[in-house]
Amino acid sequence: MKIELDRPRCEGHGLCEEVAPDLMHLDDDGELIIDVPEVDEGDMGAAQAAVRICPVAALKLAS
């Protein structure tokens, strides 16, 4: 699965980073950076949590 980011929709709240710090982070400008775009089964729970917690639905998982 891949984590896809709708960059114009992202507001930089950082909630996704809190639940999936090994997969993504906010840079110094508050822009979300996806560090691990291809998610393996071991990280699937964190990726799903990041997608669910985003208040503006800027993240999604796609195959």
PDB file of N, CA and C in Angstrom:
ATOM      1  N   MET A   1       0.841  -1.181   0.000  1.00  0.00           N
ATOM      2  CA  MET A   1       0.000   0.000   0.000  1.00  0.00           C
ATOM      3  C   MET A   1       0.888   1.247   0.000  1.00  0.00           C
ATOM      4  N   LYS A   2       0.360   2.302  -0.563  1.00  0.00           N
ATOM      5  CA  LYS A   2       1.061   3.576  -0.615  1.00  0.00           C
ATOM      6  C   LYS A   2       0.284   4.629   0.167  1.00  0.00           C
ATOM      7  N   ILE A   3       1.019   5.506   0.831  1.00  0.00           N
ATOM      8  CA  ILE A   3       0.403   6.662   1.471  1.00  0.00           C
ATOM      9  C   ILE A   3       0.409   7.784   0.443  1.00  0.00           C
ATOM     10  N   GLU A   4      -0.763   8.311   0.167  1.00  0.00           N
ATOM     11  CA  GLU A   4      -0.873   9.419  -0.773  1.00  0.00           C
ATOM     12  C   GLU A   4      -1.314  10.665  -0.020  1.00  0.00           C
ATOM     13  N   LEU A   5      -0.688  11.780  -0.357  1.00  0.00           N
ATOM     14  CA  LEU A   5      -0.954  13.058   0.292  1.00  0.00           C
ATOM     15  C   LEU A   5      -1.567  14.023  -0.710  1.00  0.00           C
ATOM     16  N   ASP A   6      -2.682  14.604  -0.334  1.00  0.00           N
ATOM     17  CA  ASP A   6      -3.293  15.681  -1.117  1.00  0.00           C
ATOM     18  C   ASP A   6      -2.697  16.977  -0.541  1.00  0.00           C
ATOM     19  N   ARG A   7      -1.551  17.366  -1.085  1.00  0.00           N
ATOM     20  CA  ARG A   7      -0.787  18.479  -0.518  1.00  0.00           C
ATOM     21  C   ARG A   7      -1.584  19.779  -0.380  1.00  0.00           C
ATOM     22  N   PRO A   8      -2.384  20.191  -1.370  1.00  0.00           N
ATOM     23  CA  PRO A   8      -3.145  21.432  -1.184  1.00  0.00           C
ATOM     24  C   PRO A   8      -4.135  21.372  -0.017  1.00  0.00           C
ATOM     25  N   ARG A   9      -4.601  20.177   0.299  1.00  0.00           N
ATOM     26  CA  ARG A   9      -5.573  20.014   1.384  1.00  0.00           C
ATOM     27  C   ARG A   9      -4.905  20.016   2.760  1.00  0.00           C
ATOM     28  N   CYS A  10      -3.647  19.580   2.834  1.00  0.00           N
ATOM     29  CA  CYS A  10      -2.936  19.466   4.113  1.00  0.00           C
ATOM     30  C   CYS A  10      -2.749  20.843   4.730  1.00  0.00           C
ATOM     31  N   GLU A  11      -3.112  20.962   6.015  1.00  0.00           N
ATOM     32  CA  GLU A  11      -2.976  22.223   6.756  1.00  0.00           C
ATOM     33  C   GLU A  11      -1.855  22.175   7.789  1.00  0.00           C
ATOM     34  N   GLY A  12      -1.121  21.056   7.844  1.00  0.00           N
ATOM     35  CA  GLY A  12       0.025  20.962   8.743  1.00  0.00           C
ATOM     36  C   GLY A  12      -0.305  20.837  10.211  1.00  0.00           C
ATOM     37  N   HIS A  13      -1.433  20.228  10.549  1.00  0.00           N
ATOM     38  CA  HIS A  13      -1.807  20.053  11.958  1.00  0.00           C
ATOM     39  C   HIS A  13      -0.817  19.152  12.702  1.00  0.00           C
ATOM     40  N   GLY A  14      -0.252  18.160  12.024  1.00  0.00           N
ATOM     41  CA  GLY A  14       0.749  17.288  12.620  1.00  0.00           C
ATOM     42  C   GLY A  14       0.210  16.111  13.394  1.00  0.00           C
ATOM     43  N   LEU A  15      -1.090  15.912  13.390  1.00  0.00           N
ATOM     44  CA  LEU A  15      -1.650  14.765  14.112  1.00  0.00           C
ATOM     45  C   LEU A  15      -1.166  13.450  13.510  1.00  0.00           C
ATOM     46  N   CYS A  16      -1.036  13.413  12.198  1.00  0.00           N
ATOM     47  CA  CYS A  16      -0.553  12.204  11.523  1.00  0.00           C
ATOM     48  C   CYS A  16       0.877  11.884  11.956  1.00  0.00           C
ATOM     49  N   GLU A  17       1.683  12.908  12.085  1.00  0.00           N
ATOM     50  CA  GLU A  17       3.070  12.723  12.526  1.00  0.00           C
ATOM     51  C   GLU A  17       3.105  12.145  13.942  1.00  0.00           C
ATOM     52  N   GLU A  18       2.189  12.563  14.783  1.00  0.00           N
ATOM     53  CA  GLU A  18       2.149  12.063  16.159  1.00  0.00           C
ATOM     54  C   GLU A  18       1.860  10.570  16.213  1.00  0.00           C
ATOM     55  N   VAL A  19       0.968  10.076  15.342  1.00  0.00           N
ATOM     56  CA  VAL A  19       0.605   8.658  15.387  1.00  0.00           C
ATOM     57  C   VAL A  19       1.485   7.785  14.492  1.00  0.00           C
ATOM     58  N   ALA A  20       2.208   8.404  13.550  1.00  0.00           N
ATOM     59  CA  ALA A  20       3.067   7.633  12.648  1.00  0.00           C
ATOM     60  C   ALA A  20       4.401   8.333  12.414  1.00  0.00           C
ATOM     61  N   PRO A  21       5.177   8.586  13.482  1.00  0.00           N
ATOM     62  CA  PRO A  21       6.427   9.337  13.329  1.00  0.00           C
ATOM     63  C   PRO A  21       7.492   8.629  12.498  1.00  0.00           C
ATOM     64  N   ASP A  22       7.388   7.311  12.366  1.00  0.00           N
ATOM     65  CA  ASP A  22       8.353   6.581  11.545  1.00  0.00           C
ATOM     66  C   ASP A  22       8.016   6.658  10.055  1.00  0.00           C
ATOM     67  N   LEU A  23       6.820   7.148   9.740  1.00  0.00           N
ATOM     68  CA  LEU A  23       6.370   7.186   8.348  1.00  0.00           C
ATOM     69  C   LEU A  23       6.357   8.579   7.745  1.00  0.00           C
ATOM     70  N   MET A  24       6.215   9.606   8.598  1.00  0.00           N
ATOM     71  CA  MET A  24       6.071  10.975   8.085  1.00  0.00           C
ATOM     72  C   MET A  24       6.494  11.984   9.138  1.00  0.00           C
ATOM     73  N   HIS A  25       6.781  13.207   8.677  1.00  0.00           N
ATOM     74  CA  HIS A  25       7.131  14.290   9.598  1.00  0.00           C
ATOM     75  C   HIS A  25       6.793  15.629   8.963  1.00  0.00           C
ATOM     76  N   LEU A  26       6.668  16.631   9.804  1.00  0.00           N
ATOM     77  CA  LEU A  26       6.511  18.001   9.326  1.00  0.00           C
ATOM     78  C   LEU A  26       7.896  18.624   9.247  1.00  0.00           C
ATOM     79  N   ASP A  27       8.177  19.292   8.132  1.00  0.00           N
ATOM     80  CA  ASP A  27       9.470  19.959   8.014  1.00  0.00           C
ATOM     81  C   ASP A  27       9.443  21.291   8.757  1.00  0.00           C
ATOM     82  N   ASP A  28      10.508  22.045   8.674  1.00  0.00           N
ATOM     83  CA  ASP A  28      10.614  23.314   9.407  1.00  0.00           C
ATOM     84  C   ASP A  28       9.582  24.341   8.976  1.00  0.00           C
ATOM     85  N   ASP A  29       9.033  24.176   7.760  1.00  0.00           N
ATOM     86  CA  ASP A  29       8.008  25.093   7.259  1.00  0.00           C
ATOM     87  C   ASP A  29       6.592  24.598   7.545  1.00  0.00           C
ATOM     88  N   GLY A  30       6.478  23.472   8.265  1.00  0.00           N
ATOM     89  CA  GLY A  30       5.165  22.919   8.577  1.00  0.00           C
ATOM     90  C   GLY A  30       4.556  22.125   7.440  1.00  0.00           C
ATOM     91  N   GLU A  31       5.381  21.734   6.463  1.00  0.00           N
ATOM     92  CA  GLU A  31       4.891  20.943   5.330  1.00  0.00           C
ATOM     93  C   GLU A  31       5.124  19.466   5.609  1.00  0.00           C
ATOM     94  N   LEU A  32       4.114  18.654   5.351  1.00  0.00           N
ATOM     95  CA  LEU A  32       4.212  17.228   5.617  1.00  0.00           C
ATOM     96  C   LEU A  32       5.102  16.543   4.592  1.00  0.00           C
ATOM     97  N   ILE A  33       6.026  15.733   5.088  1.00  0.00           N
ATOM     98  CA  ILE A  33       6.907  14.937   4.257  1.00  0.00           C
ATOM     99  C   ILE A  33       6.614  13.472   4.555  1.00  0.00           C
ATOM    100  N   ILE A  34       6.295  12.714   3.522  1.00  0.00           N
ATOM    101  CA  ILE A  34       6.069  11.271   3.674  1.00  0.00           C
ATOM    102  C   ILE A  34       7.437  10.599   3.539  1.00  0.00           C
ATOM    103  N   ASP A  35       7.939  10.036   4.626  1.00  0.00           N
ATOM    104  CA  ASP A  35       9.256   9.402   4.615  1.00  0.00           C
ATOM    105  C   ASP A  35       9.214   7.986   4.055  1.00  0.00           C
ATOM    106  N   VAL A  36       8.095   7.298   4.230  1.00  0.00           N
ATOM    107  CA  VAL A  36       7.950   5.912   3.790  1.00  0.00           C
ATOM    108  C   VAL A  36       6.677   5.808   2.963  1.00  0.00           C
ATOM    109  N   PRO A  37       6.754   6.116   1.663  1.00  0.00           N
ATOM    110  CA  PRO A  37       5.536   6.087   0.853  1.00  0.00           C
ATOM    111  C   PRO A  37       4.965   4.682   0.653  1.00  0.00           C
ATOM    112  N   GLU A  38       5.823   3.667   0.611  1.00  0.00           N
ATOM    113  CA  GLU A  38       5.373   2.280   0.476  1.00  0.00           C
ATOM    114  C   GLU A  38       5.322   1.649   1.856  1.00  0.00           C
ATOM    115  N   VAL A  39       4.123   1.327   2.317  1.00  0.00           N
ATOM    116  CA  VAL A  39       3.917   0.817   3.674  1.00  0.00           C
ATOM    117  C   VAL A  39       3.884  -0.703   3.666  1.00  0.00           C
ATOM    118  N   ASP A  40       4.694  -1.321   4.528  1.00  0.00           N
ATOM    119  CA  ASP A  40       4.639  -2.778   4.654  1.00  0.00           C
ATOM    120  C   ASP A  40       3.648  -3.149   5.760  1.00  0.00           C
ATOM    121  N   GLU A  41       3.434  -4.422   5.935  1.00  0.00           N
ATOM    122  CA  GLU A  41       2.426  -4.874   6.911  1.00  0.00           C
ATOM    123  C   GLU A  41       2.759  -4.434   8.333  1.00  0.00           C
ATOM    124  N   GLY A  42       4.030  -4.337   8.655  1.00  0.00           N
ATOM    125  CA  GLY A  42       4.433  -3.938  10.000  1.00  0.00           C
ATOM    126  C   GLY A  42       4.046  -2.510  10.340  1.00  0.00           C
ATOM    127  N   ASP A  43       3.948  -1.652   9.328  1.00  0.00           N
ATOM    128  CA  ASP A  43       3.602  -0.250   9.544  1.00  0.00           C
ATOM    129  C   ASP A  43       2.158   0.080   9.165  1.00  0.00           C
ATOM    130  N   MET A  44       1.406  -0.921   8.765  1.00  0.00           N
ATOM    131  CA  MET A  44       0.050  -0.673   8.276  1.00  0.00           C
ATOM    132  C   MET A  44      -0.850  -0.048   9.347  1.00  0.00           C
ATOM    133  N   GLY A  45      -0.741  -0.486  10.576  1.00  0.00           N
ATOM    134  CA  GLY A  45      -1.577   0.073  11.639  1.00  0.00           C
ATOM    135  C   GLY A  45      -1.318   1.558  11.834  1.00  0.00           C
ATOM    136  N   ALA A  46      -0.041   1.949  11.844  1.00  0.00           N
ATOM    137  CA  ALA A  46       0.307   3.361  12.002  1.00  0.00           C
ATOM    138  C   ALA A  46      -0.171   4.174  10.808  1.00  0.00           C
ATOM    139  N   ALA A  47      -0.029   3.627   9.606  1.00  0.00           N
ATOM    140  CA  ALA A  47      -0.476   4.335   8.400  1.00  0.00           C
ATOM    141  C   ALA A  47      -1.990   4.530   8.420  1.00  0.00           C
ATOM    142  N   GLN A  48      -2.726   3.509   8.798  1.00  0.00           N
ATOM    143  CA  GLN A  48      -4.177   3.615   8.868  1.00  0.00           C
ATOM    144  C   GLN A  48      -4.599   4.634   9.925  1.00  0.00           C
ATOM    145  N   ALA A  49      -3.895   4.654  11.054  1.00  0.00           N
ATOM    146  CA  ALA A  49      -4.201   5.629  12.105  1.00  0.00           C
ATOM    147  C   ALA A  49      -3.946   7.054  11.616  1.00  0.00           C
ATOM    148  N   ALA A  50      -2.865   7.256  10.873  1.00  0.00           N
ATOM    149  CA  ALA A  50      -2.554   8.583  10.339  1.00  0.00           C
ATOM    150  C   ALA A  50      -3.636   9.056   9.377  1.00  0.00           C
ATOM    151  N   VAL A  51      -4.111   8.154   8.535  1.00  0.00           N
ATOM    152  CA  VAL A  51      -5.181   8.499   7.587  1.00  0.00           C
ATOM    153  C   VAL A  51      -6.455   8.863   8.348  1.00  0.00           C
ATOM    154  N   ARG A  52      -6.804   8.074   9.351  1.00  0.00           N
ATOM    155  CA  ARG A  52      -8.034   8.312  10.120  1.00  0.00           C
ATOM    156  C   ARG A  52      -7.993   9.608  10.915  1.00  0.00           C
ATOM    157  N   ILE A  53      -6.828   9.953  11.462  1.00  0.00           N
ATOM    158  CA  ILE A  53      -6.754  11.091  12.379  1.00  0.00           C
ATOM    159  C   ILE A  53      -6.659  12.438  11.668  1.00  0.00           C
ATOM    160  N   CYS A  54      -6.343  12.443  10.397  1.00  0.00           N
ATOM    161  CA  CYS A  54      -6.191  13.711   9.666  1.00  0.00           C
ATOM    162  C   CYS A  54      -7.527  14.467   9.651  1.00  0.00           C
ATOM    163  N   PRO A  55      -7.564  15.671  10.228  1.00  0.00           N
ATOM    164  CA  PRO A  55      -8.829  16.405  10.322  1.00  0.00           C
ATOM    165  C   PRO A  55      -9.338  16.967   8.987  1.00  0.00           C
ATOM    166  N   VAL A  56      -8.474  16.982   7.969  1.00  0.00           N
ATOM    167  CA  VAL A  56      -8.895  17.520   6.669  1.00  0.00           C
ATOM    168  C   VAL A  56      -8.857  16.464   5.570  1.00  0.00           C
ATOM    169  N   ALA A  57      -8.690  15.197   5.956  1.00  0.00           N
ATOM    170  CA  ALA A  57      -8.670  14.063   5.020  1.00  0.00           C
ATOM    171  C   ALA A  57      -7.673  14.276   3.879  1.00  0.00           C
ATOM    172  N   ALA A  58      -6.448  14.679   4.238  1.00  0.00           N
ATOM    173  CA  ALA A  58      -5.413  14.920   3.234  1.00  0.00           C
ATOM    174  C   ALA A  58      -4.606  13.670   2.913  1.00  0.00           C
ATOM    175  N   LEU A  59      -4.786  12.605   3.689  1.00  0.00           N
ATOM    176  CA  LEU A  59      -4.057  11.372   3.468  1.00  0.00           C
ATOM    177  C   LEU A  59      -5.001  10.261   3.060  1.00  0.00           C
ATOM    178  N   LYS A  60      -4.479   9.332   2.232  1.00  0.00           N
ATOM    179  CA  LYS A  60      -5.234   8.122   1.938  1.00  0.00           C
ATOM    180  C   LYS A  60      -4.263   7.011   1.616  1.00  0.00           C
ATOM    181  N   LEU A  61      -4.726   5.795   1.774  1.00  0.00           N
ATOM    182  CA  LEU A  61      -3.949   4.618   1.405  1.00  0.00           C
ATOM    183  C   LEU A  61      -4.474   4.091   0.081  1.00  0.00           C
ATOM    184  N   ALA A  62      -3.557   3.778  -0.801  1.00  0.00           N
ATOM    185  CA  ALA A  62      -3.936   3.264  -2.124  1.00  0.00           C
ATOM    186  C   ALA A  62      -3.019   2.115  -2.480  1.00  0.00           C
ATOM    187  N   SER A  63      -3.513   1.205  -3.293  1.00  0.00           N
ATOM    188  CA  SER A  63      -2.681   0.073  -3.705  1.00  0.00           C
ATOM    189  C   SER A  63      -1.928   0.389  -4.962  1.00  0.00           C
TER     190      SER A  63
END
